[in-house]
Amino acid sequence: MQVNVNSINAQFDWMANSSSNVANVNTSDYQAIDTTISSEGKDVSANSSRSDSGTNLAKEITDQSVISTGVEANVKAIDTQNQIYGTLLDMLA
């Protein structure tokens, strides 16, 4: 379950960076924030760096859709794990 929580936190950071890029699309000299997700074992993290260019709205909208789907998948996995634990507890009672 911890890997799902770590993944949601990383995706939250990615969404925050993407939202910042969209909010600053018309800001002159704004350097967009590029974010990638990496994982090693149960550690999932968002790695961010400034790009040399401005905001690419097509990329940001696509990224936000991917982030939303990823969060939904992780929430569903957590919910399923909770249901399994509940069933096991019911069997022990």
C-alpha atoms as a PDB file:
ATOM      1  CA  MET A   1       0.000   0.000   0.000  1.00  0.00           C
ATOM      2  CA  GLN A   2       2.919   2.359   0.726  1.00  0.00           C
ATOM      3  CA  VAL A   3       4.051   2.303  -2.893  1.00  0.00           C
ATOM      4  CA  ASN A   4       0.570   3.510  -3.912  1.00  0.00           C
ATOM      5  CA  VAL A   5       0.712   6.368  -1.427  1.00  0.00           C
ATOM      6  CA  ASN A   6       4.218   7.298  -2.592  1.00  0.00           C
ATOM      7  CA  SER A   7       3.031   7.241  -6.195  1.00  0.00           C
ATOM      8  CA  ILE A   8       0.061   9.505  -5.426  1.00  0.00           C
ATOM      9  CA  ASN A   9       2.394  11.969  -3.681  1.00  0.00           C
ATOM     10  CA  ALA A  10       4.748  11.990  -6.683  1.00  0.00           C
ATOM     11  CA  GLN A  11       1.830  12.509  -9.059  1.00  0.00           C
ATOM     12  CA  PHE A  12       0.605  15.367  -6.855  1.00  0.00           C
ATOM     13  CA  ASP A  13       3.992  17.063  -7.298  1.00  0.00           C
ATOM     14  CA  TRP A  14       3.859  16.455 -11.052  1.00  0.00           C
ATOM     15  CA  MET A  15       0.349  17.946 -11.237  1.00  0.00           C
ATOM     16  CA  ALA A  16       1.442  20.999  -9.226  1.00  0.00           C
ATOM     17  CA  ASN A  17       4.315  21.608 -11.652  1.00  0.00           C
ATOM     18  CA  SER A  18       2.091  21.098 -14.682  1.00  0.00           C
ATOM     19  CA  SER A  19      -0.512  23.480 -13.247  1.00  0.00           C
ATOM     20  CA  SER A  20       2.191  26.069 -12.651  1.00  0.00           C
ATOM     21  CA  ASN A  21       3.299  25.728 -16.258  1.00  0.00           C
ATOM     22  CA  VAL A  22      -0.245  26.257 -17.528  1.00  0.00           C
ATOM     23  CA  ALA A  23      -0.812  29.219 -15.199  1.00  0.00           C
ATOM     24  CA  ASN A  24       2.351  30.872 -16.508  1.00  0.00           C
ATOM     25  CA  VAL A  25       1.824  30.152 -20.203  1.00  0.00           C
ATOM     26  CA  ASN A  26       1.705  33.897 -21.001  1.00  0.00           C
ATOM     27  CA  THR A  27       4.447  34.937 -18.577  1.00  0.00           C
ATOM     28  CA  SER A  28       7.430  36.255 -20.492  1.00  0.00           C
ATOM     29  CA  ASP A  29      10.753  34.505 -19.863  1.00  0.00           C
ATOM     30  CA  TYR A  30       9.003  31.744 -17.876  1.00  0.00           C
ATOM     31  CA  GLN A  31      10.888  28.462 -18.021  1.00  0.00           C
ATOM     32  CA  ALA A  32       8.526  25.507 -17.785  1.00  0.00           C
ATOM     33  CA  ILE A  33       9.129  22.806 -15.188  1.00  0.00           C
ATOM     34  CA  ASP A  34       9.737  19.349 -16.649  1.00  0.00           C
ATOM     35  CA  THR A  35       8.769  16.512 -14.317  1.00  0.00           C
ATOM     36  CA  THR A  36       9.461  12.808 -14.560  1.00  0.00           C
ATOM     37  CA  ILE A  37       8.414  10.014 -12.222  1.00  0.00           C
ATOM     38  CA  SER A  38      10.981   7.464 -11.100  1.00  0.00           C
ATOM     39  CA  SER A  39      10.672   4.436  -8.867  1.00  0.00           C
ATOM     40  CA  GLU A  40      13.026   2.167  -7.040  1.00  0.00           C
ATOM     41  CA  GLY A  41      11.400  -0.470  -4.882  1.00  0.00           C
ATOM     42  CA  LYS A  42       8.682   1.218  -2.823  1.00  0.00           C
ATOM     43  CA  ASP A  43      10.195   4.667  -3.380  1.00  0.00           C
ATOM     44  CA  VAL A  44       8.361   6.635  -6.061  1.00  0.00           C
ATOM     45  CA  SER A  45       9.390  10.235  -6.633  1.00  0.00           C
ATOM     46  CA  ALA A  46       8.842  13.170  -8.947  1.00  0.00           C
ATOM     47  CA  ASN A  47      12.028  14.644 -10.381  1.00  0.00           C
ATOM     48  CA  SER A  48      11.730  18.218 -11.621  1.00  0.00           C
ATOM     49  CA  SER A  49      13.970  20.524 -13.611  1.00  0.00           C
ATOM     50  CA  ARG A  50      13.562  23.797 -15.476  1.00  0.00           C
ATOM     51  CA  SER A  51      13.372  23.505 -19.237  1.00  0.00           C
ATOM     52  CA  ASP A  52      14.965  25.841 -21.735  1.00  0.00           C
ATOM     53  CA  SER A  53      11.597  26.651 -23.271  1.00  0.00           C
ATOM     54  CA  GLY A  54       8.187  27.932 -22.304  1.00  0.00           C
ATOM     55  CA  THR A  55       5.039  25.964 -21.684  1.00  0.00           C
ATOM     56  CA  ASN A  56       3.779  23.480 -24.267  1.00  0.00           C
ATOM     57  CA  LEU A  57       0.024  23.408 -23.613  1.00  0.00           C
ATOM     58  CA  ALA A  58      -0.561  20.224 -25.622  1.00  0.00           C
ATOM     59  CA  LYS A  59       2.011  18.378 -23.486  1.00  0.00           C
ATOM     60  CA  GLU A  60       0.629  19.782 -20.234  1.00  0.00           C
ATOM     61  CA  ILE A  61      -2.976  18.807 -20.990  1.00  0.00           C
ATOM     62  CA  THR A  62      -1.869  15.312 -22.006  1.00  0.00           C
ATOM     63  CA  ASP A  63       0.284  15.012 -18.869  1.00  0.00           C
ATOM     64  CA  GLN A  64      -2.614  16.090 -16.655  1.00  0.00           C
ATOM     65  CA  SER A  65      -4.798  13.370 -18.161  1.00  0.00           C
ATOM     66  CA  VAL A  66      -2.088  10.772 -17.497  1.00  0.00           C
ATOM     67  CA  ILE A  67      -1.645  12.025 -13.923  1.00  0.00           C
ATOM     68  CA  SER A  68      -5.376  11.863 -13.250  1.00  0.00           C
ATOM     69  CA  THR A  69      -5.569   8.288 -14.539  1.00  0.00           C
ATOM     70  CA  GLY A  70      -2.529   7.296 -12.468  1.00  0.00           C
ATOM     71  CA  VAL A  71      -4.014   8.695  -9.280  1.00  0.00           C
ATOM     72  CA  GLU A  72      -7.309   6.904  -9.956  1.00  0.00           C
ATOM     73  CA  ALA A  73      -5.473   3.603 -10.454  1.00  0.00           C
ATOM     74  CA  ASN A  74      -3.540   4.000  -7.200  1.00  0.00           C
ATOM     75  CA  VAL A  75      -6.666   4.935  -5.254  1.00  0.00           C
ATOM     76  CA  LYS A  76      -8.439   1.884  -6.661  1.00  0.00           C
ATOM     77  CA  ALA A  77      -5.532  -0.341  -5.591  1.00  0.00           C
ATOM     78  CA  ILE A  78      -5.638   1.097  -2.058  1.00  0.00           C
ATOM     79  CA  ASP A  79      -9.418   0.630  -1.925  1.00  0.00           C
ATOM     80  CA  THR A  80      -9.079  -3.002  -3.058  1.00  0.00           C
ATOM     81  CA  GLN A  81      -6.422  -3.655  -0.412  1.00  0.00           C
ATOM     82  CA  ASN A  82      -8.698  -2.169   2.255  1.00  0.00           C
ATOM     83  CA  GLN A  83     -11.565  -4.392   1.113  1.00  0.00           C
ATOM     84  CA  ILE A  84      -9.319  -7.458   1.310  1.00  0.00           C
ATOM     85  CA  TYR A  85      -8.202  -6.520   4.832  1.00  0.00           C
ATOM     86  CA  GLY A  86     -11.848  -5.980   5.823  1.00  0.00           C
ATOM     87  CA  THR A  87     -12.812  -9.386   4.474  1.00  0.00           C
ATOM     88  CA  LEU A  88      -9.934 -11.038   6.329  1.00  0.00           C
ATOM     89  CA  LEU A  89     -10.944  -9.308   9.571  1.00  0.00           C
ATOM     90  CA  ASP A  90     -14.559 -10.424   9.063  1.00  0.00           C
ATOM     91  CA  MET A  91     -13.353 -14.019   8.646  1.00  0.00           C
ATOM     92  CA  LEU A  92     -11.451 -13.815  11.939  1.00  0.00           C
ATOM     93  CA  ALA A  93     -14.396 -12.419  13.894  1.00  0.00           C
END
